[in-house]
Amino acid sequence: MMNKKKKKVKLFKKEYIPLFLMALPGFICLLIWRYLPMVGVIISFQNFNVVKGIFGSPFVGFRNFEFLFATTDSFVITRNTVLYNLVFIVVNMLLAVILAMMLSEIRSKNAAKLFQTVYMLPYFLSWAVVAIIANAFLDRSNGVVNHLRGQAGYTNLVDWYQRKSLWPPLIVFVNAWKEVGYRTVLYLAVISGISREYYEAAVLDGATRFQQAKYITLPHLRFIIGITLIMSMGSIMRGDFGLFYTVTQDSGPLYPVTDIIDTYIYRGLKNMSNLGMTTAAGLYQSVVGMVMILVVNAIVNKIDPDSSMF
């Protein structure tokens, strides 16, 4: 019998060199900005001293994590962070899918580009600008809302930054207004790649617009929906600091409904200057996020393997 020669697969070929060179800047940035700073995780278990540095500060075990779990506010900030993120995921995803399907039905290219620009514009605004816009409406003395109330005959000026009941739906609305446009364009790109032959065949079979969306559009969107869902769940313990701190103007009376882990950490760092506690909180958020990605990906993989990340 003739011995078969094993073919050696070369990992590095000359034709691959341009590709490696193109990937090199991204790899260097990833290494410098993502992996090297992970050495700072040690601070989570130290009573950090700037003079002694990371490798000279004394270890205190898990004492820094008590900053999050041993306080009376731990339940409130965890509840707010998780519930807001869950609502954001559901509301933003539904709105983005609906808007994307609506935009895909517009036949005029100029009109479609106009609507896409309108939807995308808020995404590029900073939270500081959004806070100024919100304040223009809600300011007690010069806000549009109180001005309209005065025109309607109401004489009392309402300080909206003291009204807790107003802010949960307002935060959801502001977040959707700013973030939905980006996801809409993302889903619209997928819809535009669907072959028109599917829809033409559906029309010949007598399918309605709703049936076309249900049996053609949504199945093609399941992959990108699954990926965005998994990635969003990775940030379930992280809140948008700009939204909850800047837009609410860090109003004390609103803390029960607007205080999240990130704003709580920031005030703790500002008041106590304890870098170990804040690093421990960041590590806690990252670990929970990683676990959530693995769990949700496993669930999605069981339901639809094609929509999972790995």
C-alpha atoms as a PDB file:
ATOM      1  CA  MET A   1       0.000   0.000   0.000  1.00  0.00           C
ATOM      2  CA  MET A   2       1.202   3.424  -0.841  1.00  0.00           C
ATOM      3  CA  ASN A   3       1.662   5.783   2.054  1.00  0.00           C
ATOM      4  CA  LYS A   4      -0.386   8.848   1.602  1.00  0.00           C
ATOM      5  CA  LYS A   5       1.566  12.005   2.138  1.00  0.00           C
ATOM      6  CA  LYS A   6      -0.040  14.378   4.567  1.00  0.00           C
ATOM      7  CA  LYS A   7      -0.575  17.797   3.153  1.00  0.00           C
ATOM      8  CA  LYS A   8       0.758  20.519   5.362  1.00  0.00           C
ATOM      9  CA  VAL A   9      -1.530  23.490   5.629  1.00  0.00           C
ATOM     10  CA  LYS A  10       0.462  26.688   5.727  1.00  0.00           C
ATOM     11  CA  LEU A  11      -1.016  29.243   8.072  1.00  0.00           C
ATOM     12  CA  PHE A  12       1.185  32.000   6.755  1.00  0.00           C
ATOM     13  CA  LYS A  13       1.394  32.413   3.033  1.00  0.00           C
ATOM     14  CA  LYS A  14       2.831  35.286   1.071  1.00  0.00           C
ATOM     15  CA  GLU A  15      -0.569  36.251  -0.265  1.00  0.00           C
ATOM     16  CA  TYR A  16      -1.844  36.573   3.328  1.00  0.00           C
ATOM     17  CA  ILE A  17       0.726  39.238   4.246  1.00  0.00           C
ATOM     18  CA  PRO A  18      -1.371  42.220   3.003  1.00  0.00           C
ATOM     19  CA  LEU A  19      -4.345  40.936   4.998  1.00  0.00           C
ATOM     20  CA  PHE A  20      -2.254  40.581   8.162  1.00  0.00           C
ATOM     21  CA  LEU A  21      -0.875  44.090   7.690  1.00  0.00           C
ATOM     22  CA  MET A  22      -4.412  45.449   7.310  1.00  0.00           C
ATOM     23  CA  ALA A  23      -5.487  43.711  10.520  1.00  0.00           C
ATOM     24  CA  LEU A  24      -2.374  44.741  12.461  1.00  0.00           C
ATOM     25  CA  PRO A  25      -3.511  48.294  13.463  1.00  0.00           C
ATOM     26  CA  GLY A  26      -6.826  46.967  14.773  1.00  0.00           C
ATOM     27  CA  PHE A  27      -5.062  44.183  16.669  1.00  0.00           C
ATOM     28  CA  ILE A  28      -2.618  46.651  18.253  1.00  0.00           C
ATOM     29  CA  CYS A  29      -5.453  48.972  19.315  1.00  0.00           C
ATOM     30  CA  LEU A  30      -7.383  46.007  20.742  1.00  0.00           C
ATOM     31  CA  LEU A  31      -4.308  44.882  22.659  1.00  0.00           C
ATOM     32  CA  ILE A  32      -3.492  48.341  24.046  1.00  0.00           C
ATOM     33  CA  TRP A  33      -6.984  49.577  24.893  1.00  0.00           C
ATOM     34  CA  ARG A  34      -8.751  46.316  25.804  1.00  0.00           C
ATOM     35  CA  TYR A  35      -6.341  43.700  27.092  1.00  0.00           C
ATOM     36  CA  LEU A  36      -3.457  45.539  28.742  1.00  0.00           C
ATOM     37  CA  PRO A  37      -5.790  47.599  30.989  1.00  0.00           C
ATOM     38  CA  MET A  38      -7.211  44.336  32.353  1.00  0.00           C
ATOM     39  CA  VAL A  39      -4.199  44.259  34.693  1.00  0.00           C
ATOM     40  CA  GLY A  40      -6.062  46.969  36.607  1.00  0.00           C
ATOM     41  CA  VAL A  41      -8.636  44.370  37.684  1.00  0.00           C
ATOM     42  CA  ILE A  42      -6.275  43.705  40.600  1.00  0.00           C
ATOM     43  CA  ILE A  43      -7.387  47.023  42.094  1.00  0.00           C
ATOM     44  CA  SER A  44     -10.796  45.438  42.793  1.00  0.00           C
ATOM     45  CA  PHE A  45      -9.186  43.372  45.541  1.00  0.00           C
ATOM     46  CA  GLN A  46      -6.897  46.058  46.964  1.00  0.00           C
ATOM     47  CA  ASN A  47      -6.993  49.068  49.215  1.00  0.00           C
ATOM     48  CA  PHE A  48      -5.497  51.022  46.359  1.00  0.00           C
ATOM     49  CA  ASN A  49      -2.823  53.586  47.123  1.00  0.00           C
ATOM     50  CA  VAL A  50      -1.626  55.823  44.295  1.00  0.00           C
ATOM     51  CA  VAL A  51       1.871  56.109  45.774  1.00  0.00           C
ATOM     52  CA  LYS A  52       2.327  52.340  46.181  1.00  0.00           C
ATOM     53  CA  GLY A  53       0.766  51.546  42.820  1.00  0.00           C
ATOM     54  CA  ILE A  54      -1.086  48.468  41.616  1.00  0.00           C
ATOM     55  CA  PHE A  55       1.524  45.932  42.674  1.00  0.00           C
ATOM     56  CA  GLY A  56       2.316  47.563  46.027  1.00  0.00           C
ATOM     57  CA  SER A  57      -1.147  48.254  47.464  1.00  0.00           C
ATOM     58  CA  PRO A  58      -2.381  45.860  50.176  1.00  0.00           C
ATOM     59  CA  PHE A  59      -4.959  43.212  49.301  1.00  0.00           C
ATOM     60  CA  VAL A  60      -8.320  43.350  51.085  1.00  0.00           C
ATOM     61  CA  GLY A  61     -10.101  40.427  49.423  1.00  0.00           C
ATOM     62  CA  PHE A  62     -13.747  41.029  48.531  1.00  0.00           C
ATOM     63  CA  ARG A  63     -14.180  43.972  50.905  1.00  0.00           C
ATOM     64  CA  ASN A  64     -14.548  46.430  48.009  1.00  0.00           C
ATOM     65  CA  PHE A  65     -17.575  44.560  46.686  1.00  0.00           C
ATOM     66  CA  GLU A  66     -19.463  45.414  49.866  1.00  0.00           C
ATOM     67  CA  PHE A  67     -19.782  48.908  48.421  1.00  0.00           C
ATOM     68  CA  LEU A  68     -22.507  47.564  46.111  1.00  0.00           C
ATOM     69  CA  PHE A  69     -24.127  44.840  48.180  1.00  0.00           C
ATOM     70  CA  ALA A  70     -23.955  46.036  51.778  1.00  0.00           C
ATOM     71  CA  THR A  71     -25.803  49.322  51.287  1.00  0.00           C
ATOM     72  CA  THR A  72     -29.524  50.021  51.484  1.00  0.00           C
ATOM     73  CA  ASP A  73     -29.469  51.329  47.909  1.00  0.00           C
ATOM     74  CA  SER A  74     -28.125  48.113  46.339  1.00  0.00           C
ATOM     75  CA  PHE A  75     -31.571  46.705  45.567  1.00  0.00           C
ATOM     76  CA  VAL A  76     -32.835  49.989  44.082  1.00  0.00           C
ATOM     77  CA  ILE A  77     -29.890  50.573  41.755  1.00  0.00           C
ATOM     78  CA  THR A  78     -29.794  46.928  40.619  1.00  0.00           C
ATOM     79  CA  ARG A  79     -33.551  46.888  40.022  1.00  0.00           C
ATOM     80  CA  ASN A  80     -33.456  50.133  38.049  1.00  0.00           C
ATOM     81  CA  THR A  81     -30.474  49.051  35.944  1.00  0.00           C
ATOM     82  CA  VAL A  82     -31.906  45.650  35.000  1.00  0.00           C
ATOM     83  CA  LEU A  83     -35.518  46.706  34.433  1.00  0.00           C
ATOM     84  CA  TYR A  84     -34.640  49.758  32.342  1.00  0.00           C
ATOM     85  CA  ASN A  85     -32.312  47.704  30.158  1.00  0.00           C
ATOM     86  CA  LEU A  86     -34.941  45.006  29.640  1.00  0.00           C
ATOM     87  CA  VAL A  87     -37.509  47.629  28.620  1.00  0.00           C
ATOM     88  CA  PHE A  88     -34.975  49.324  26.333  1.00  0.00           C
ATOM     89  CA  ILE A  89     -34.185  46.025  24.601  1.00  0.00           C
ATOM     90  CA  VAL A  90     -37.831  45.131  23.977  1.00  0.00           C
ATOM     91  CA  VAL A  91     -39.124  48.592  23.037  1.00  0.00           C
ATOM     92  CA  ASN A  92     -36.179  49.601  20.850  1.00  0.00           C
ATOM     93  CA  MET A  93     -36.130  46.283  19.024  1.00  0.00           C
ATOM     94  CA  LEU A  94     -39.875  46.325  18.283  1.00  0.00           C
ATOM     95  CA  LEU A  95     -39.815  49.946  17.129  1.00  0.00           C
ATOM     96  CA  ALA A  96     -36.724  49.396  14.980  1.00  0.00           C
ATOM     97  CA  VAL A  97     -38.209  46.345  13.249  1.00  0.00           C
ATOM     98  CA  ILE A  98     -41.527  48.106  12.617  1.00  0.00           C
ATOM     99  CA  LEU A  99     -39.867  51.268  11.291  1.00  0.00           C
ATOM    100  CA  ALA A 100     -37.492  49.261   9.117  1.00  0.00           C
ATOM    101  CA  MET A 101     -40.386  47.374   7.517  1.00  0.00           C
ATOM    102  CA  MET A 102     -42.276  50.643   6.999  1.00  0.00           C
ATOM    103  CA  LEU A 103     -39.269  52.311   5.365  1.00  0.00           C
ATOM    104  CA  SER A 104     -38.743  49.304   3.101  1.00  0.00           C
ATOM    105  CA  GLU A 105     -42.197  49.916   1.642  1.00  0.00           C
ATOM    106  CA  ILE A 106     -41.332  53.459   0.524  1.00  0.00           C
ATOM    107  CA  ARG A 107     -40.682  53.387  -3.203  1.00  0.00           C
ATOM    108  CA  SER A 108     -39.373  56.948  -3.546  1.00  0.00           C
ATOM    109  CA  LYS A 109     -35.596  56.931  -2.951  1.00  0.00           C
ATOM    110  CA  ASN A 110     -35.537  60.606  -1.972  1.00  0.00           C
ATOM    111  CA  ALA A 111     -38.305  60.129   0.581  1.00  0.00           C
ATOM    112  CA  ALA A 112     -36.597  57.020   1.977  1.00  0.00           C
ATOM    113  CA  LYS A 113     -33.277  58.874   2.371  1.00  0.00           C
ATOM    114  CA  LEU A 114     -35.064  61.791   4.041  1.00  0.00           C
ATOM    115  CA  PHE A 115     -36.754  59.541   6.607  1.00  0.00           C
ATOM    116  CA  GLN A 116     -33.518  57.627   7.250  1.00  0.00           C
ATOM    117  CA  THR A 117     -31.711  60.913   7.919  1.00  0.00           C
ATOM    118  CA  VAL A 118     -34.455  62.067  10.293  1.00  0.00           C
ATOM    119  CA  TYR A 119     -34.342  58.785  12.213  1.00  0.00           C
ATOM    120  CA  MET A 120     -30.536  58.676  12.381  1.00  0.00           C
ATOM    121  CA  LEU A 121     -29.927  62.294  13.409  1.00  0.00           C
ATOM    122  CA  PRO A 122     -30.680  61.859  17.154  1.00  0.00           C
ATOM    123  CA  TYR A 123     -28.193  58.965  17.329  1.00  0.00           C
ATOM    124  CA  PHE A 124     -25.308  61.330  16.595  1.00  0.00           C
ATOM    125  CA  LEU A 125     -26.299  63.838  19.288  1.00  0.00           C
ATOM    126  CA  SER A 126     -24.414  63.690  22.588  1.00  0.00           C
ATOM    127  CA  TRP A 127     -26.363  63.209  25.789  1.00  0.00           C
ATOM    128  CA  ALA A 128     -25.367  66.746  26.796  1.00  0.00           C
ATOM    129  CA  VAL A 129     -27.255  68.088  23.765  1.00  0.00           C
ATOM    130  CA  VAL A 130     -30.211  65.800  24.515  1.00  0.00           C
ATOM    131  CA  ALA A 131     -30.210  67.089  28.104  1.00  0.00           C
ATOM    132  CA  ILE A 132     -30.387  70.682  26.818  1.00  0.00           C
ATOM    133  CA  ILE A 133     -33.332  69.772  24.558  1.00  0.00           C
ATOM    134  CA  ALA A 134     -35.116  68.046  27.447  1.00  0.00           C
ATOM    135  CA  ASN A 135     -34.483  71.025  29.707  1.00  0.00           C
ATOM    136  CA  ALA A 136     -35.963  73.351  27.070  1.00  0.00           C
ATOM    137  CA  PHE A 137     -39.222  71.468  27.480  1.00  0.00           C
ATOM    138  CA  LEU A 138     -39.153  70.740  31.214  1.00  0.00           C
ATOM    139  CA  ASP A 139     -37.514  73.784  32.790  1.00  0.00           C
ATOM    140  CA  ARG A 140     -39.669  75.172  35.581  1.00  0.00           C
ATOM    141  CA  SER A 141     -39.393  78.834  34.607  1.00  0.00           C
ATOM    142  CA  ASN A 142     -38.853  78.868  30.835  1.00  0.00           C
ATOM    143  CA  GLY A 143     -39.820  75.377  29.705  1.00  0.00           C
ATOM    144  CA  VAL A 144     -42.219  74.775  26.844  1.00  0.00           C
ATOM    145  CA  VAL A 145     -44.454  72.479  28.895  1.00  0.00           C
ATOM    146  CA  ASN A 146     -45.054  75.012  31.684  1.00  0.00           C
ATOM    147  CA  HIS A 147     -45.537  77.734  29.071  1.00  0.00           C
ATOM    148  CA  LEU A 148     -48.272  75.670  27.395  1.00  0.00           C
ATOM    149  CA  ARG A 149     -49.816  74.997  30.789  1.00  0.00           C
ATOM    150  CA  GLY A 150     -49.902  78.748  31.392  1.00  0.00           C
ATOM    151  CA  GLN A 151     -51.585  79.288  28.027  1.00  0.00           C
ATOM    152  CA  ALA A 152     -54.181  76.697  29.040  1.00  0.00           C
ATOM    153  CA  GLY A 153     -54.997  78.614  32.231  1.00  0.00           C
ATOM    154  CA  TYR A 154     -52.863  76.801  34.824  1.00  0.00           C
ATOM    155  CA  THR A 155     -51.090  79.279  37.085  1.00  0.00           C
ATOM    156  CA  ASN A 156     -48.820  76.947  39.067  1.00  0.00           C
ATOM    157  CA  LEU A 157     -45.361  76.194  37.701  1.00  0.00           C
ATOM    158  CA  VAL A 158     -44.446  72.510  37.967  1.00  0.00           C
ATOM    159  CA  ASP A 159     -40.869  71.486  38.634  1.00  0.00           C
ATOM    160  CA  TRP A 160     -40.730  68.404  36.428  1.00  0.00           C
ATOM    161  CA  TYR A 161     -37.312  67.437  37.794  1.00  0.00           C
ATOM    162  CA  GLN A 162     -39.026  66.705  41.103  1.00  0.00           C
ATOM    163  CA  ARG A 163     -41.783  64.452  39.692  1.00  0.00           C
ATOM    164  CA  LYS A 164     -40.759  60.788  40.035  1.00  0.00           C
ATOM    165  CA  SER A 165     -43.809  59.420  38.220  1.00  0.00           C
ATOM    166  CA  LEU A 166     -42.902  61.301  35.023  1.00  0.00           C
ATOM    167  CA  TRP A 167     -39.399  59.965  34.502  1.00  0.00           C
ATOM    168  CA  PRO A 168     -39.651  56.178  33.929  1.00  0.00           C
ATOM    169  CA  PRO A 169     -41.732  56.567  30.734  1.00  0.00           C
ATOM    170  CA  LEU A 170     -39.803  59.714  29.774  1.00  0.00           C
ATOM    171  CA  ILE A 171     -36.446  57.914  30.037  1.00  0.00           C
ATOM    172  CA  VAL A 172     -37.761  55.071  27.867  1.00  0.00           C
ATOM    173  CA  PHE A 173     -39.026  57.610  25.318  1.00  0.00           C
ATOM    174  CA  VAL A 174     -35.767  59.595  25.220  1.00  0.00           C
ATOM    175  CA  ASN A 175     -33.676  56.440  24.882  1.00  0.00           C
ATOM    176  CA  ALA A 176     -35.868  55.168  22.042  1.00  0.00           C
ATOM    177  CA  TRP A 177     -35.815  58.557  20.310  1.00  0.00           C
ATOM    178  CA  LYS A 178     -32.013  58.546  20.315  1.00  0.00           C
ATOM    179  CA  GLU A 179     -31.199  54.877  19.723  1.00  0.00           C
ATOM    180  CA  VAL A 180     -33.930  53.404  17.514  1.00  0.00           C
ATOM    181  CA  GLY A 181     -32.716  55.152  14.343  1.00  0.00           C
ATOM    182  CA  TYR A 182     -29.417  53.257  14.303  1.00  0.00           C
ATOM    183  CA  ARG A 183     -31.079  49.866  14.685  1.00  0.00           C
ATOM    184  CA  THR A 184     -33.680  50.806  12.085  1.00  0.00           C
ATOM    185  CA  VAL A 185     -30.994  51.381   9.469  1.00  0.00           C
ATOM    186  CA  LEU A 186     -29.322  48.125  10.529  1.00  0.00           C
ATOM    187  CA  TYR A 187     -32.511  46.107  10.016  1.00  0.00           C
ATOM    188  CA  LEU A 188     -33.333  48.022   6.841  1.00  0.00           C
ATOM    189  CA  ALA A 189     -30.006  46.961   5.347  1.00  0.00           C
ATOM    190  CA  VAL A 190     -30.950  43.323   5.938  1.00  0.00           C
ATOM    191  CA  ILE A 191     -34.420  43.819   4.456  1.00  0.00           C
ATOM    192  CA  SER A 192     -32.984  45.473   1.362  1.00  0.00           C
ATOM    193  CA  GLY A 193     -30.893  42.348   0.769  1.00  0.00           C
ATOM    194  CA  ILE A 194     -33.945  40.059   0.621  1.00  0.00           C
ATOM    195  CA  SER A 195     -34.635  38.900  -2.927  1.00  0.00           C
ATOM    196  CA  ARG A 196     -37.737  40.512  -4.422  1.00  0.00           C
ATOM    197  CA  GLU A 197     -38.627  37.142  -5.923  1.00  0.00           C
ATOM    198  CA  TYR A 198     -39.906  35.987  -2.522  1.00  0.00           C
ATOM    199  CA  TYR A 199     -42.369  38.873  -2.353  1.00  0.00           C
ATOM    200  CA  GLU A 200     -43.414  38.470  -5.991  1.00  0.00           C
ATOM    201  CA  ALA A 201     -44.156  34.792  -5.425  1.00  0.00           C
ATOM    202  CA  ALA A 202     -46.089  35.674  -2.260  1.00  0.00           C
ATOM    203  CA  VAL A 203     -48.181  38.233  -4.153  1.00  0.00           C
ATOM    204  CA  LEU A 204     -49.012  35.624  -6.796  1.00  0.00           C
ATOM    205  CA  ASP A 205     -50.151  33.305  -4.016  1.00  0.00           C
ATOM    206  CA  GLY A 206     -52.424  36.045  -2.665  1.00  0.00           C
ATOM    207  CA  ALA A 207     -50.410  36.901   0.460  1.00  0.00           C
ATOM    208  CA  THR A 208     -51.270  40.164   2.199  1.00  0.00           C
ATOM    209  CA  ARG A 209     -48.692  42.720   3.386  1.00  0.00           C
ATOM    210  CA  PHE A 210     -48.960  41.350   6.907  1.00  0.00           C
ATOM    211  CA  GLN A 211     -48.412  37.785   5.712  1.00  0.00           C
ATOM    212  CA  GLN A 212     -45.409  38.863   3.634  1.00  0.00           C
ATOM    213  CA  ALA A 213     -43.884  40.523   6.706  1.00  0.00           C
ATOM    214  CA  LYS A 214     -44.639  37.501   8.888  1.00  0.00           C
ATOM    215  CA  TYR A 215     -43.412  34.743   6.580  1.00  0.00           C
ATOM    216  CA  ILE A 216     -40.677  36.506   4.588  1.00  0.00           C
ATOM    217  CA  THR A 217     -39.313  39.634   6.282  1.00  0.00           C
ATOM    218  CA  LEU A 218     -39.233  38.509   9.910  1.00  0.00           C
ATOM    219  CA  PRO A 219     -37.600  35.108   9.202  1.00  0.00           C
ATOM    220  CA  HIS A 220     -34.817  36.896   7.322  1.00  0.00           C
ATOM    221  CA  LEU A 221     -34.357  39.281  10.256  1.00  0.00           C
ATOM    222  CA  ARG A 222     -34.081  36.567  12.885  1.00  0.00           C
ATOM    223  CA  PHE A 223     -30.288  36.309  12.577  1.00  0.00           C
ATOM    224  CA  ILE A 224     -29.570  40.010  13.170  1.00  0.00           C
ATOM    225  CA  ILE A 225     -32.263  40.143  15.874  1.00  0.00           C
ATOM    226  CA  GLY A 226     -30.624  37.211  17.664  1.00  0.00           C
ATOM    227  CA  ILE A 227     -27.172  38.809  17.503  1.00  0.00           C
ATOM    228  CA  THR A 228     -28.389  42.201  18.754  1.00  0.00           C
ATOM    229  CA  LEU A 229     -30.361  40.516  21.534  1.00  0.00           C
ATOM    230  CA  ILE A 230     -27.316  38.573  22.724  1.00  0.00           C
ATOM    231  CA  MET A 231     -25.087  41.657  22.615  1.00  0.00           C
ATOM    232  CA  SER A 232     -27.691  43.751  24.428  1.00  0.00           C
ATOM    233  CA  MET A 233     -28.017  41.206  27.221  1.00  0.00           C
ATOM    234  CA  GLY A 234     -24.274  41.516  27.766  1.00  0.00           C
ATOM    235  CA  SER A 235     -24.904  45.074  28.967  1.00  0.00           C
ATOM    236  CA  ILE A 236     -27.840  44.210  31.199  1.00  0.00           C
ATOM    237  CA  MET A 237     -25.975  45.440  34.297  1.00  0.00           C
ATOM    238  CA  ARG A 238     -24.640  48.585  32.631  1.00  0.00           C
ATOM    239  CA  GLY A 239     -26.689  51.731  32.281  1.00  0.00           C
ATOM    240  CA  ASP A 240     -26.164  54.667  29.960  1.00  0.00           C
ATOM    241  CA  PHE A 241     -24.483  57.170  32.278  1.00  0.00           C
ATOM    242  CA  GLY A 242     -25.231  60.145  30.030  1.00  0.00           C
ATOM    243  CA  LEU A 243     -28.949  59.366  29.960  1.00  0.00           C
ATOM    244  CA  PHE A 244     -29.435  58.780  33.669  1.00  0.00           C
ATOM    245  CA  TYR A 245     -27.067  61.453  34.955  1.00  0.00           C
ATOM    246  CA  THR A 246     -27.120  64.271  32.403  1.00  0.00           C
ATOM    247  CA  VAL A 247     -30.705  64.210  31.175  1.00  0.00           C
ATOM    248  CA  THR A 248     -32.105  63.951  34.714  1.00  0.00           C
ATOM    249  CA  GLN A 249     -29.645  66.643  35.890  1.00  0.00           C
ATOM    250  CA  ASP A 250     -28.696  64.334  38.773  1.00  0.00           C
ATOM    251  CA  SER A 251     -31.804  65.426  40.641  1.00  0.00           C
ATOM    252  CA  GLY A 252     -31.889  63.929  44.150  1.00  0.00           C
ATOM    253  CA  PRO A 253     -35.683  63.451  44.374  1.00  0.00           C
ATOM    254  CA  LEU A 254     -35.505  61.291  41.235  1.00  0.00           C
ATOM    255  CA  TYR A 255     -32.939  58.823  42.611  1.00  0.00           C
ATOM    256  CA  PRO A 256     -35.532  56.119  43.475  1.00  0.00           C
ATOM    257  CA  VAL A 257     -36.486  55.835  39.782  1.00  0.00           C
ATOM    258  CA  THR A 258     -33.370  57.076  37.940  1.00  0.00           C
ATOM    259  CA  ASP A 259     -30.396  55.939  40.024  1.00  0.00           C
ATOM    260  CA  ILE A 260     -28.513  53.047  38.414  1.00  0.00           C
ATOM    261  CA  ILE A 261     -25.264  51.255  39.171  1.00  0.00           C
ATOM    262  CA  ASP A 262     -23.171  53.561  36.980  1.00  0.00           C
ATOM    263  CA  THR A 263     -24.432  56.815  38.513  1.00  0.00           C
ATOM    264  CA  TYR A 264     -24.121  55.332  42.000  1.00  0.00           C
ATOM    265  CA  ILE A 265     -20.515  54.356  41.303  1.00  0.00           C
ATOM    266  CA  TYR A 266     -19.738  57.816  39.966  1.00  0.00           C
ATOM    267  CA  ARG A 267     -21.057  59.556  43.069  1.00  0.00           C
ATOM    268  CA  GLY A 268     -19.209  57.082  45.255  1.00  0.00           C
ATOM    269  CA  LEU A 269     -15.947  57.819  43.449  1.00  0.00           C
ATOM    270  CA  LYS A 270     -16.580  61.567  43.596  1.00  0.00           C
ATOM    271  CA  ASN A 271     -17.446  61.605  47.294  1.00  0.00           C
ATOM    272  CA  MET A 272     -15.109  58.931  48.669  1.00  0.00           C
ATOM    273  CA  SER A 273     -12.369  58.817  46.008  1.00  0.00           C
ATOM    274  CA  ASN A 274     -12.135  55.048  46.515  1.00  0.00           C
ATOM    275  CA  LEU A 275     -10.861  53.623  43.245  1.00  0.00           C
ATOM    276  CA  GLY A 276     -10.944  50.061  44.573  1.00  0.00           C
ATOM    277  CA  MET A 277     -14.702  50.142  45.144  1.00  0.00           C
ATOM    278  CA  THR A 278     -15.475  51.534  41.701  1.00  0.00           C
ATOM    279  CA  THR A 279     -13.164  49.026  40.005  1.00  0.00           C
ATOM    280  CA  ALA A 280     -14.876  46.204  41.897  1.00  0.00           C
ATOM    281  CA  ALA A 281     -18.243  47.439  40.649  1.00  0.00           C
ATOM    282  CA  GLY A 282     -16.957  47.550  37.072  1.00  0.00           C
ATOM    283  CA  LEU A 283     -15.601  43.997  37.381  1.00  0.00           C
ATOM    284  CA  TYR A 284     -18.941  42.830  38.771  1.00  0.00           C
ATOM    285  CA  GLN A 285     -20.786  44.358  35.800  1.00  0.00           C
ATOM    286  CA  SER A 286     -18.378  42.785  33.310  1.00  0.00           C
ATOM    287  CA  VAL A 287     -18.604  39.307  34.833  1.00  0.00           C
ATOM    288  CA  VAL A 288     -22.407  39.397  34.928  1.00  0.00           C
ATOM    289  CA  GLY A 289     -22.437  40.653  31.331  1.00  0.00           C
ATOM    290  CA  MET A 290     -20.199  37.817  30.172  1.00  0.00           C
ATOM    291  CA  VAL A 291     -22.380  35.238  31.957  1.00  0.00           C
ATOM    292  CA  MET A 292     -25.525  36.735  30.414  1.00  0.00           C
ATOM    293  CA  ILE A 293     -24.024  36.561  26.919  1.00  0.00           C
ATOM    294  CA  LEU A 294     -23.139  32.880  27.405  1.00  0.00           C
ATOM    295  CA  VAL A 295     -26.563  32.022  28.850  1.00  0.00           C
ATOM    296  CA  VAL A 296     -28.612  33.921  26.259  1.00  0.00           C
ATOM    297  CA  ASN A 297     -26.453  32.597  23.419  1.00  0.00           C
ATOM    298  CA  ALA A 298     -27.026  29.041  24.673  1.00  0.00           C
ATOM    299  CA  ILE A 299     -30.790  29.653  24.784  1.00  0.00           C
ATOM    300  CA  VAL A 300     -30.827  31.168  21.291  1.00  0.00           C
ATOM    301  CA  ASN A 301     -28.667  28.287  20.047  1.00  0.00           C
ATOM    302  CA  LYS A 302     -31.260  25.808  21.320  1.00  0.00           C
ATOM    303  CA  ILE A 303     -34.135  27.684  19.662  1.00  0.00           C
ATOM    304  CA  ASP A 304     -32.428  28.682  16.404  1.00  0.00           C
ATOM    305  CA  PRO A 305     -28.763  27.680  15.917  1.00  0.00           C
ATOM    306  CA  ASP A 306     -28.407  29.976  12.906  1.00  0.00           C
ATOM    307  CA  SER A 307     -29.160  33.058  15.051  1.00  0.00           C
ATOM    308  CA  SER A 308     -26.577  32.390  17.778  1.00  0.00           C
ATOM    309  CA  MET A 309     -23.136  34.000  17.938  1.00  0.00           C
ATOM    310  CA  PHE A 310     -21.180  30.809  18.607  1.00  0.00           C
END
